Amino acid sequence: MKVKISKTFSIRASINDVWDFMTDIKSVSTCIPGAQYNESLEDNEHSVMLTVKVGPIKSSYRSKVAIKSLDKSNYTMEIEGSGTDTKGKGGANMEMTGKLIDNGDGTTGVTGESTVTIQGMLAQFGSRMIEDVSNQLFVQFTETLCTKLEGNGNNIESIKSKSDNTLSGTAVAGAAIKGAVGRIMGAFNKK
């Protein structure tokens, strides 16, 4: 199953601070719910463990994340990731492109587009449920990222070292249920 996700948001931080943070996989991992950075590998690859729960299924993925291209002159990046379920029941691949824009008012716009391909147990829930869960994970990611970068005037190195990226299962489940109920009510109201 393939899911395409496109998101845009702004952060009250300079474009250079956002770039420095977003191009450091170890730092970004601290903002992704359920992610735990393991180690730097060869060729700009990094080992990350990712745990996601969808409905009654909890999956952990041994993942490799690679920075494929960075263009600081245009503030664009391409990142690829792949993971294998630790129970051998599937896997996931992700391709992401990102762009930063200096909004000129002390904020930085962030645009990201990704394609996620999921095989195995999680794929049985269908793209709508995966989109709902992805949206909630994205909300948690942006909240954590903004908290770290908009913090109390800390320098970028101390911001990178702070980490609390626990996955809020209640929030994810709530968002998935809310999305499903919203779709059902929308279909009912159309009749």
N, C-alpha and C. Protein backbone atom coordinates (compact mmCIF):
# COMPACT_ATOMS: atom_id res chain seq x y z
N MET A 1 0.84 -1.16 0.00
CA MET A 1 0.00 0.00 0.00
C MET A 1 0.89 1.24 0.00
N LYS A 2 0.54 2.20 -0.85
CA LYS A 2 1.32 3.43 -0.98
C LYS A 2 0.48 4.60 -0.49
N VAL A 3 1.08 5.46 0.37
CA VAL A 3 0.40 6.65 0.88
C VAL A 3 1.27 7.85 0.58
N LYS A 4 0.67 8.88 -0.02
CA LYS A 4 1.39 10.13 -0.30
C LYS A 4 0.96 11.16 0.73
N ILE A 5 1.95 11.86 1.28
CA ILE A 5 1.68 12.85 2.31
C ILE A 5 2.38 14.15 1.91
N SER A 6 1.65 15.25 2.00
CA SER A 6 2.21 16.56 1.69
C SER A 6 1.83 17.50 2.82
N LYS A 7 2.81 18.15 3.42
CA LYS A 7 2.57 19.01 4.57
C LYS A 7 3.37 20.30 4.46
N THR A 8 2.81 21.37 5.02
CA THR A 8 3.48 22.66 5.09
C THR A 8 3.22 23.27 6.45
N PHE A 9 4.25 23.88 7.05
CA PHE A 9 4.08 24.58 8.33
C PHE A 9 5.19 25.61 8.47
N SER A 10 5.07 26.47 9.48
CA SER A 10 6.08 27.50 9.73
C SER A 10 6.62 27.38 11.14
N ILE A 11 7.88 27.76 11.30
CA ILE A 11 8.56 27.75 12.60
C ILE A 11 9.12 29.14 12.85
N ARG A 12 8.99 29.62 14.09
CA ARG A 12 9.58 30.90 14.47
C ARG A 12 11.06 30.70 14.78
N ALA A 13 11.84 30.54 13.72
CA ALA A 13 13.29 30.36 13.84
C ALA A 13 13.91 30.73 12.51
N SER A 14 15.18 31.07 12.53
CA SER A 14 15.87 31.45 11.29
C SER A 14 16.01 30.24 10.37
N ILE A 15 16.08 30.52 9.09
CA ILE A 15 16.20 29.44 8.10
C ILE A 15 17.48 28.64 8.31
N ASN A 16 18.56 29.30 8.75
CA ASN A 16 19.81 28.57 8.98
C ASN A 16 19.72 27.63 10.19
N ASP A 17 19.04 28.07 11.26
CA ASP A 17 18.86 27.19 12.42
C ASP A 17 17.99 25.99 12.05
N VAL A 18 16.91 26.25 11.28
CA VAL A 18 16.03 25.15 10.87
C VAL A 18 16.79 24.19 9.96
N TRP A 19 17.57 24.73 9.01
CA TRP A 19 18.36 23.89 8.11
C TRP A 19 19.34 23.02 8.89
N ASP A 20 20.09 23.63 9.83
CA ASP A 20 21.06 22.87 10.61
C ASP A 20 20.39 21.73 11.38
N PHE A 21 19.21 21.98 11.91
CA PHE A 21 18.50 20.96 12.67
C PHE A 21 17.94 19.88 11.75
N MET A 22 17.27 20.30 10.68
CA MET A 22 16.57 19.36 9.80
C MET A 22 17.52 18.48 8.98
N THR A 23 18.77 18.88 8.82
CA THR A 23 19.72 18.08 8.06
C THR A 23 20.57 17.19 8.97
N ASP A 24 20.24 17.14 10.23
CA ASP A 24 20.92 16.30 11.21
C ASP A 24 19.95 15.19 11.62
N ILE A 25 20.12 13.99 11.05
CA ILE A 25 19.19 12.88 11.28
C ILE A 25 19.03 12.57 12.76
N LYS A 26 20.11 12.62 13.50
CA LYS A 26 20.03 12.33 14.94
C LYS A 26 19.11 13.33 15.64
N SER A 27 19.22 14.61 15.28
CA SER A 27 18.36 15.63 15.89
C SER A 27 16.91 15.45 15.48
N VAL A 28 16.68 15.25 14.19
CA VAL A 28 15.31 15.09 13.69
C VAL A 28 14.65 13.87 14.33
N SER A 29 15.41 12.81 14.59
CA SER A 29 14.87 11.59 15.20
C SER A 29 14.24 11.88 16.56
N THR A 30 14.76 12.88 17.26
CA THR A 30 14.21 13.20 18.57
C THR A 30 12.81 13.81 18.47
N CYS A 31 12.40 14.21 17.28
CA CYS A 31 11.07 14.81 17.08
C CYS A 31 10.05 13.83 16.52
N ILE A 32 10.50 12.68 16.05
CA ILE A 32 9.60 11.71 15.42
C ILE A 32 9.07 10.77 16.51
N PRO A 33 7.75 10.77 16.72
CA PRO A 33 7.19 9.90 17.75
C PRO A 33 7.54 8.43 17.50
N GLY A 34 8.05 7.77 18.53
CA GLY A 34 8.39 6.36 18.43
C GLY A 34 9.75 6.06 17.83
N ALA A 35 10.52 7.10 17.48
CA ALA A 35 11.83 6.88 16.85
C ALA A 35 12.94 6.91 17.89
N GLN A 36 13.92 6.05 17.69
CA GLN A 36 15.11 6.03 18.54
C GLN A 36 16.33 5.92 17.62
N TYR A 37 17.16 6.96 17.65
CA TYR A 37 18.37 6.98 16.83
C TYR A 37 19.36 5.97 17.39
N ASN A 38 19.94 5.13 16.52
CA ASN A 38 20.92 4.13 16.97
C ASN A 38 22.35 4.54 16.67
N GLU A 39 22.67 4.73 15.37
CA GLU A 39 24.05 5.04 15.03
C GLU A 39 24.17 5.55 13.60
N SER A 40 25.31 6.20 13.35
CA SER A 40 25.65 6.65 12.00
C SER A 40 26.34 5.49 11.29
N LEU A 41 25.93 5.25 10.04
CA LEU A 41 26.51 4.19 9.24
C LEU A 41 27.34 4.81 8.12
N GLU A 42 27.73 4.03 7.13
CA GLU A 42 28.50 4.54 5.99
C GLU A 42 27.61 5.31 5.03
N ASP A 43 28.23 6.11 4.17
CA ASP A 43 27.56 6.77 3.05
C ASP A 43 26.33 7.58 3.46
N ASN A 44 26.44 8.39 4.50
CA ASN A 44 25.33 9.24 4.94
C ASN A 44 24.09 8.46 5.36
N GLU A 45 24.26 7.20 5.76
CA GLU A 45 23.15 6.40 6.25
C GLU A 45 23.17 6.38 7.77
N HIS A 46 21.97 6.22 8.33
CA HIS A 46 21.81 6.20 9.78
C HIS A 46 20.86 5.08 10.16
N SER A 47 21.12 4.46 11.29
CA SER A 47 20.27 3.40 11.81
C SER A 47 19.30 4.00 12.84
N VAL A 48 18.01 3.75 12.62
CA VAL A 48 16.97 4.29 13.50
C VAL A 48 15.96 3.17 13.76
N MET A 49 15.54 3.02 15.02
CA MET A 49 14.47 2.08 15.36
C MET A 49 13.18 2.90 15.43
N LEU A 50 12.12 2.43 14.77
CA LEU A 50 10.85 3.16 14.76
C LEU A 50 9.74 2.22 15.18
N THR A 51 8.96 2.63 16.19
CA THR A 51 7.85 1.84 16.68
C THR A 51 6.56 2.63 16.45
N VAL A 52 5.59 1.99 15.79
CA VAL A 52 4.32 2.63 15.46
C VAL A 52 3.20 1.68 15.86
N LYS A 53 2.13 2.24 16.42
CA LYS A 53 0.96 1.43 16.78
C LYS A 53 -0.23 1.94 16.00
N VAL A 54 -0.89 1.02 15.28
CA VAL A 54 -2.10 1.33 14.54
C VAL A 54 -3.15 0.32 15.00
N GLY A 55 -4.21 0.80 15.63
CA GLY A 55 -5.22 -0.11 16.16
C GLY A 55 -4.57 -1.07 17.13
N PRO A 56 -4.87 -2.37 17.01
CA PRO A 56 -4.30 -3.34 17.93
C PRO A 56 -2.89 -3.79 17.56
N ILE A 57 -2.37 -3.29 16.44
CA ILE A 57 -1.07 -3.76 15.97
C ILE A 57 0.02 -2.75 16.28
N LYS A 58 1.06 -3.24 16.92
CA LYS A 58 2.24 -2.43 17.22
C LYS A 58 3.39 -3.03 16.43
N SER A 59 4.01 -2.21 15.61
CA SER A 59 5.12 -2.69 14.79
C SER A 59 6.38 -1.89 15.08
N SER A 60 7.48 -2.59 15.15
CA SER A 60 8.79 -1.94 15.30
C SER A 60 9.60 -2.24 14.06
N TYR A 61 10.24 -1.21 13.54
CA TYR A 61 11.01 -1.33 12.30
C TYR A 61 12.47 -0.99 12.55
N ARG A 62 13.36 -1.91 12.14
CA ARG A 62 14.79 -1.59 12.08
C ARG A 62 14.97 -0.83 10.78
N SER A 63 15.36 0.41 10.88
CA SER A 63 15.35 1.28 9.70
C SER A 63 16.72 1.84 9.39
N LYS A 64 16.89 2.12 8.09
CA LYS A 64 18.04 2.87 7.62
C LYS A 64 17.51 4.13 6.95
N VAL A 65 18.08 5.26 7.33
CA VAL A 65 17.69 6.54 6.75
C VAL A 65 18.92 7.11 6.08
N ALA A 66 18.75 7.58 4.84
CA ALA A 66 19.88 8.12 4.09
C ALA A 66 19.53 9.49 3.53
N ILE A 67 20.46 10.41 3.67
CA ILE A 67 20.32 11.72 3.03
C ILE A 67 20.84 11.55 1.61
N LYS A 68 19.94 11.69 0.64
CA LYS A 68 20.31 11.50 -0.76
C LYS A 68 20.87 12.77 -1.39
N SER A 69 20.32 13.92 -1.01
CA SER A 69 20.87 15.17 -1.51
C SER A 69 20.52 16.33 -0.60
N LEU A 70 21.46 17.25 -0.48
CA LEU A 70 21.27 18.49 0.28
C LEU A 70 21.73 19.64 -0.61
N ASP A 71 20.91 20.67 -0.73
CA ASP A 71 21.26 21.85 -1.50
C ASP A 71 20.98 23.07 -0.65
N LYS A 72 22.01 23.51 0.09
CA LYS A 72 21.81 24.62 1.01
C LYS A 72 21.53 25.93 0.27
N SER A 73 22.01 26.09 -0.96
CA SER A 73 21.75 27.33 -1.69
C SER A 73 20.26 27.50 -1.99
N ASN A 74 19.54 26.38 -2.15
CA ASN A 74 18.09 26.42 -2.38
C ASN A 74 17.29 25.89 -1.20
N TYR A 75 18.00 25.48 -0.16
CA TYR A 75 17.37 24.91 1.05
C TYR A 75 16.43 23.75 0.70
N THR A 76 16.94 22.81 -0.09
CA THR A 76 16.17 21.61 -0.43
C THR A 76 16.93 20.37 0.00
N MET A 77 16.17 19.31 0.27
CA MET A 77 16.77 18.04 0.71
C MET A 77 15.94 16.87 0.22
N GLU A 78 16.61 15.75 0.01
CA GLU A 78 15.95 14.49 -0.33
C GLU A 78 16.44 13.44 0.65
N ILE A 79 15.49 12.74 1.25
CA ILE A 79 15.81 11.72 2.24
C ILE A 79 15.06 10.45 1.89
N GLU A 80 15.72 9.31 2.03
CA GLU A 80 15.09 8.01 1.82
C GLU A 80 15.24 7.17 3.07
N GLY A 81 14.25 6.35 3.32
CA GLY A 81 14.32 5.46 4.46
C GLY A 81 13.68 4.12 4.12
N SER A 82 14.16 3.08 4.75
CA SER A 82 13.56 1.76 4.60
C SER A 82 13.67 1.04 5.93
N GLY A 83 12.65 0.25 6.22
CA GLY A 83 12.65 -0.46 7.48
C GLY A 83 12.03 -1.84 7.33
N THR A 84 12.48 -2.75 8.17
CA THR A 84 11.96 -4.11 8.19
C THR A 84 11.35 -4.36 9.56
N ASP A 85 10.15 -4.89 9.57
CA ASP A 85 9.47 -5.22 10.82
C ASP A 85 10.34 -6.20 11.60
N THR A 86 10.54 -5.93 12.88
CA THR A 86 11.41 -6.79 13.70
C THR A 86 10.84 -8.20 13.84
N LYS A 87 9.53 -8.37 13.59
CA LYS A 87 8.92 -9.71 13.67
C LYS A 87 8.89 -10.38 12.30
N GLY A 88 9.45 -9.72 11.30
CA GLY A 88 9.50 -10.28 9.96
C GLY A 88 8.16 -10.31 9.25
N LYS A 89 7.24 -9.42 9.66
CA LYS A 89 5.89 -9.44 9.08
C LYS A 89 5.64 -8.24 8.18
N GLY A 90 6.66 -7.73 7.54
CA GLY A 90 6.44 -6.62 6.62
C GLY A 90 7.57 -5.63 6.66
N GLY A 91 7.31 -4.52 6.02
CA GLY A 91 8.33 -3.47 5.96
C GLY A 91 7.72 -2.19 5.46
N ALA A 92 8.53 -1.16 5.39
CA ALA A 92 8.09 0.15 4.92
C ALA A 92 9.25 0.85 4.24
N ASN A 93 8.92 1.64 3.23
CA ASN A 93 9.90 2.49 2.55
C ASN A 93 9.34 3.90 2.50
N MET A 94 10.22 4.90 2.53
CA MET A 94 9.80 6.28 2.50
C MET A 94 10.76 7.08 1.63
N GLU A 95 10.19 7.92 0.78
CA GLU A 95 10.96 8.89 0.01
C GLU A 95 10.40 10.26 0.36
N MET A 96 11.26 11.19 0.76
CA MET A 96 10.80 12.50 1.17
C MET A 96 11.63 13.60 0.53
N THR A 97 10.97 14.65 0.10
CA THR A 97 11.67 15.86 -0.33
C THR A 97 11.19 16.99 0.57
N GLY A 98 12.11 17.85 0.90
CA GLY A 98 11.77 18.97 1.77
C GLY A 98 12.37 20.26 1.24
N LYS A 99 11.69 21.36 1.55
CA LYS A 99 12.17 22.67 1.14
C LYS A 99 11.89 23.66 2.26
N LEU A 100 12.87 24.52 2.53
CA LEU A 100 12.72 25.58 3.52
C LEU A 100 12.61 26.91 2.79
N ILE A 101 11.79 27.81 3.31
CA ILE A 101 11.60 29.13 2.72
C ILE A 101 11.70 30.17 3.83
N ASP A 102 12.56 31.17 3.63
CA ASP A 102 12.66 32.29 4.57
C ASP A 102 11.46 33.19 4.34
N ASN A 103 10.55 33.23 5.32
CA ASN A 103 9.33 34.03 5.16
C ASN A 103 9.58 35.53 5.32
N GLY A 104 10.80 35.92 5.75
CA GLY A 104 11.14 37.33 5.87
C GLY A 104 10.65 38.01 7.13
N ASP A 105 9.97 37.28 7.98
CA ASP A 105 9.45 37.87 9.22
C ASP A 105 9.99 37.16 10.46
N GLY A 106 11.15 36.50 10.29
CA GLY A 106 11.74 35.75 11.40
C GLY A 106 11.22 34.33 11.49
N THR A 107 10.40 33.94 10.54
CA THR A 107 9.90 32.56 10.52
C THR A 107 10.40 31.85 9.26
N THR A 108 10.39 30.54 9.34
CA THR A 108 10.80 29.71 8.21
C THR A 108 9.66 28.79 7.83
N GLY A 109 9.33 28.78 6.55
CA GLY A 109 8.32 27.85 6.05
C GLY A 109 8.98 26.52 5.72
N VAL A 110 8.31 25.44 6.07
CA VAL A 110 8.80 24.09 5.81
C VAL A 110 7.75 23.37 4.97
N THR A 111 8.17 22.84 3.83
CA THR A 111 7.29 22.06 2.98
C THR A 111 7.91 20.68 2.81
N GLY A 112 7.11 19.67 3.02
CA GLY A 112 7.59 18.30 2.86
C GLY A 112 6.60 17.46 2.09
N GLU A 113 7.11 16.66 1.19
CA GLU A 113 6.28 15.72 0.45
C GLU A 113 6.93 14.35 0.57
N SER A 114 6.13 13.36 0.92
CA SER A 114 6.69 12.03 1.06
C SER A 114 5.74 10.98 0.50
N THR A 115 6.34 9.90 0.09
CA THR A 115 5.60 8.72 -0.35
C THR A 115 6.05 7.58 0.55
N VAL A 116 5.08 6.97 1.22
CA VAL A 116 5.37 5.86 2.12
C VAL A 116 4.71 4.61 1.56
N THR A 117 5.49 3.55 1.42
CA THR A 117 4.98 2.26 0.96
C THR A 117 5.07 1.29 2.12
N ILE A 118 3.93 0.69 2.46
CA ILE A 118 3.87 -0.21 3.61
C ILE A 118 3.44 -1.59 3.14
N GLN A 119 4.14 -2.62 3.62
CA GLN A 119 3.78 -4.00 3.36
C GLN A 119 3.61 -4.70 4.70
N GLY A 120 2.76 -5.70 4.73
CA GLY A 120 2.62 -6.50 5.93
C GLY A 120 1.40 -6.15 6.76
N MET A 121 1.51 -6.38 8.06
CA MET A 121 0.38 -6.26 8.98
C MET A 121 -0.28 -4.88 8.95
N LEU A 122 0.51 -3.81 8.96
CA LEU A 122 -0.07 -2.47 8.99
C LEU A 122 -0.85 -2.14 7.73
N ALA A 123 -0.46 -2.71 6.62
CA ALA A 123 -1.11 -2.42 5.35
C ALA A 123 -2.58 -2.87 5.34
N GLN A 124 -2.93 -3.84 6.17
CA GLN A 124 -4.31 -4.35 6.19
C GLN A 124 -5.31 -3.31 6.68
N PHE A 125 -4.85 -2.25 7.33
CA PHE A 125 -5.78 -1.24 7.83
C PHE A 125 -6.25 -0.28 6.75
N GLY A 126 -5.61 -0.28 5.61
CA GLY A 126 -6.03 0.58 4.51
C GLY A 126 -5.43 1.97 4.59
N SER A 127 -5.47 2.64 3.45
CA SER A 127 -4.80 3.93 3.33
C SER A 127 -5.44 5.01 4.19
N ARG A 128 -6.75 4.97 4.38
CA ARG A 128 -7.40 6.03 5.19
C ARG A 128 -6.90 6.00 6.64
N MET A 129 -6.86 4.81 7.22
CA MET A 129 -6.39 4.70 8.60
C MET A 129 -4.92 5.09 8.68
N ILE A 130 -4.12 4.65 7.72
CA ILE A 130 -2.70 5.01 7.72
C ILE A 130 -2.53 6.52 7.59
N GLU A 131 -3.35 7.16 6.74
CA GLU A 131 -3.30 8.62 6.60
C GLU A 131 -3.66 9.31 7.91
N ASP A 132 -4.70 8.82 8.61
CA ASP A 132 -5.09 9.42 9.88
C ASP A 132 -3.96 9.31 10.91
N VAL A 133 -3.36 8.14 10.98
CA VAL A 133 -2.25 7.94 11.92
C VAL A 133 -1.06 8.80 11.51
N SER A 134 -0.77 8.85 10.20
CA SER A 134 0.34 9.68 9.71
C SER A 134 0.12 11.14 10.04
N ASN A 135 -1.12 11.61 9.87
CA ASN A 135 -1.43 13.00 10.21
C ASN A 135 -1.19 13.29 11.68
N GLN A 136 -1.58 12.38 12.56
CA GLN A 136 -1.36 12.60 14.00
C GLN A 136 0.13 12.56 14.33
N LEU A 137 0.87 11.63 13.72
CA LEU A 137 2.32 11.58 13.94
C LEU A 137 2.96 12.89 13.47
N PHE A 138 2.47 13.41 12.34
CA PHE A 138 3.00 14.68 11.82
C PHE A 138 2.72 15.82 12.79
N VAL A 139 1.52 15.86 13.37
CA VAL A 139 1.18 16.91 14.35
C VAL A 139 2.14 16.83 15.52
N GLN A 140 2.37 15.61 16.04
CA GLN A 140 3.30 15.46 17.17
C GLN A 140 4.71 15.86 16.76
N PHE A 141 5.13 15.50 15.55
CA PHE A 141 6.46 15.87 15.05
C PHE A 141 6.61 17.39 15.01
N THR A 142 5.65 18.08 14.40
CA THR A 142 5.78 19.54 14.26
C THR A 142 5.73 20.24 15.61
N GLU A 143 4.90 19.75 16.53
CA GLU A 143 4.84 20.35 17.87
C GLU A 143 6.20 20.22 18.57
N THR A 144 6.79 19.04 18.49
CA THR A 144 8.09 18.82 19.13
C THR A 144 9.17 19.65 18.46
N LEU A 145 9.17 19.67 17.13
CA LEU A 145 10.15 20.44 16.38
C LEU A 145 10.05 21.93 16.73
N CYS A 146 8.83 22.45 16.73
CA CYS A 146 8.65 23.87 17.05
C CYS A 146 9.09 24.17 18.48
N THR A 147 8.76 23.28 19.41
CA THR A 147 9.18 23.47 20.80
C THR A 147 10.70 23.54 20.90
N LYS A 148 11.38 22.66 20.20
CA LYS A 148 12.84 22.65 20.26
C LYS A 148 13.45 23.88 19.61
N LEU A 149 12.94 24.28 18.44
CA LEU A 149 13.56 25.39 17.71
C LEU A 149 13.06 26.76 18.15
N GLU A 150 11.88 26.84 18.70
CA GLU A 150 11.35 28.13 19.15
C GLU A 150 11.60 28.34 20.63
N GLY A 151 12.29 27.39 21.27
CA GLY A 151 12.54 27.38 22.71
C GLY A 151 12.91 28.70 23.34
N ASN A 152 13.62 28.64 24.40
CA ASN A 152 13.94 29.80 25.23
C ASN A 152 15.22 30.49 24.80
N GLY A 153 15.44 30.61 23.51
CA GLY A 153 16.65 31.28 23.04
C GLY A 153 17.90 30.43 23.20
N ASN A 154 17.73 29.12 23.35
CA ASN A 154 18.88 28.22 23.47
C ASN A 154 19.63 28.17 22.16
N ASN A 155 20.92 27.88 22.23
CA ASN A 155 21.66 27.74 20.98
C ASN A 155 21.34 26.40 20.33
N ILE A 156 21.64 26.29 19.06
CA ILE A 156 21.24 25.12 18.27
C ILE A 156 21.85 23.82 18.81
N GLU A 157 23.07 23.86 19.34
CA GLU A 157 23.70 22.63 19.84
C GLU A 157 22.97 22.10 21.08
N SER A 158 22.54 22.98 21.99
CA SER A 158 21.83 22.49 23.17
C SER A 158 20.42 22.03 22.79
N ILE A 159 19.83 22.65 21.76
CA ILE A 159 18.52 22.23 21.29
C ILE A 159 18.60 20.82 20.72
N LYS A 160 19.65 20.53 19.95
CA LYS A 160 19.80 19.22 19.33
C LYS A 160 19.93 18.12 20.37
N SER A 161 20.51 18.42 21.52
CA SER A 161 20.78 17.38 22.50
C SER A 161 19.56 17.01 23.35
N LYS A 162 18.53 17.83 23.36
CA LYS A 162 17.34 17.52 24.16
C LYS A 162 16.49 16.51 23.42
N SER A 163 16.00 15.48 24.12
CA SER A 163 15.16 14.52 23.41
C SER A 163 14.09 13.93 24.31
N ASP A 164 12.85 14.03 23.84
CA ASP A 164 11.71 13.34 24.43
C ASP A 164 10.76 13.10 23.27
N ASN A 165 10.83 11.92 22.70
CA ASN A 165 10.04 11.67 21.49
C ASN A 165 9.09 10.50 21.67
N THR A 166 8.49 10.40 22.86
CA THR A 166 7.59 9.29 23.09
C THR A 166 6.35 9.42 22.22
N LEU A 167 5.86 8.29 21.77
CA LEU A 167 4.68 8.23 20.92
C LEU A 167 3.46 8.27 21.80
N SER A 168 2.59 9.23 21.56
CA SER A 168 1.35 9.32 22.31
C SER A 168 0.31 8.43 21.65
N GLY A 169 0.19 7.21 22.13
CA GLY A 169 -0.75 6.25 21.55
C GLY A 169 -2.18 6.72 21.66
N THR A 170 -2.52 7.39 22.76
CA THR A 170 -3.87 7.89 22.94
C THR A 170 -4.20 8.92 21.87
N ALA A 171 -3.27 9.84 21.61
CA ALA A 171 -3.51 10.87 20.60
C ALA A 171 -3.62 10.26 19.21
N VAL A 172 -2.77 9.28 18.91
CA VAL A 172 -2.82 8.63 17.60
C VAL A 172 -4.14 7.89 17.43
N ALA A 173 -4.53 7.12 18.43
CA ALA A 173 -5.79 6.38 18.35
C ALA A 173 -6.96 7.35 18.25
N GLY A 174 -6.93 8.42 19.03
CA GLY A 174 -8.00 9.42 18.99
C GLY A 174 -8.13 10.05 17.62
N ALA A 175 -7.00 10.39 17.01
CA ALA A 175 -7.03 10.99 15.67
C ALA A 175 -7.56 10.01 14.64
N ALA A 176 -7.17 8.75 14.75
CA ALA A 176 -7.64 7.75 13.80
C ALA A 176 -9.15 7.54 13.94
N ILE A 177 -9.64 7.48 15.18
CA ILE A 177 -11.08 7.32 15.40
C ILE A 177 -11.83 8.55 14.92
N LYS A 178 -11.30 9.73 15.23
CA LYS A 178 -11.94 10.98 14.80
C LYS A 178 -12.02 11.03 13.27
N GLY A 179 -10.95 10.64 12.58
CA GLY A 179 -10.95 10.63 11.12
C GLY A 179 -11.98 9.66 10.56
N ALA A 180 -12.06 8.46 11.15
CA ALA A 180 -13.01 7.46 10.68
C ALA A 180 -14.44 7.92 10.92
N VAL A 181 -14.72 8.45 12.10
CA VAL A 181 -16.07 8.95 12.41
C VAL A 181 -16.42 10.11 11.48
N GLY A 182 -15.46 11.00 11.24
CA GLY A 182 -15.69 12.14 10.34
C GLY A 182 -16.06 11.67 8.94
N ARG A 183 -15.37 10.65 8.45
CA ARG A 183 -15.68 10.13 7.12
C ARG A 183 -17.07 9.49 7.09
N ILE A 184 -17.41 8.74 8.14
CA ILE A 184 -18.72 8.11 8.20
C ILE A 184 -19.83 9.16 8.26
N MET A 185 -19.65 10.17 9.11
CA MET A 185 -20.65 11.23 9.24
C MET A 185 -20.75 12.03 7.95
N GLY A 186 -19.64 12.26 7.28
CA GLY A 186 -19.66 12.97 6.00
C GLY A 186 -20.44 12.20 4.95
N ALA A 187 -20.23 10.89 4.91
CA ALA A 187 -20.98 10.06 3.96
C ALA A 187 -22.47 10.03 4.31
N PHE A 188 -22.77 9.98 5.61
CA PHE A 188 -24.16 9.95 6.07
C PHE A 188 -24.85 11.27 5.73
N ASN A 189 -24.17 12.39 5.94
CA ASN A 189 -24.75 13.71 5.67
C ASN A 189 -24.99 13.95 4.19
N LYS A 190 -24.24 13.26 3.32
CA LYS A 190 -24.41 13.44 1.88
C LYS A 190 -25.70 12.77 1.39
N LYS A 191 -26.22 11.82 2.16
CA LYS A 191 -27.42 11.07 1.74
C LYS A 191 -28.68 11.86 1.98
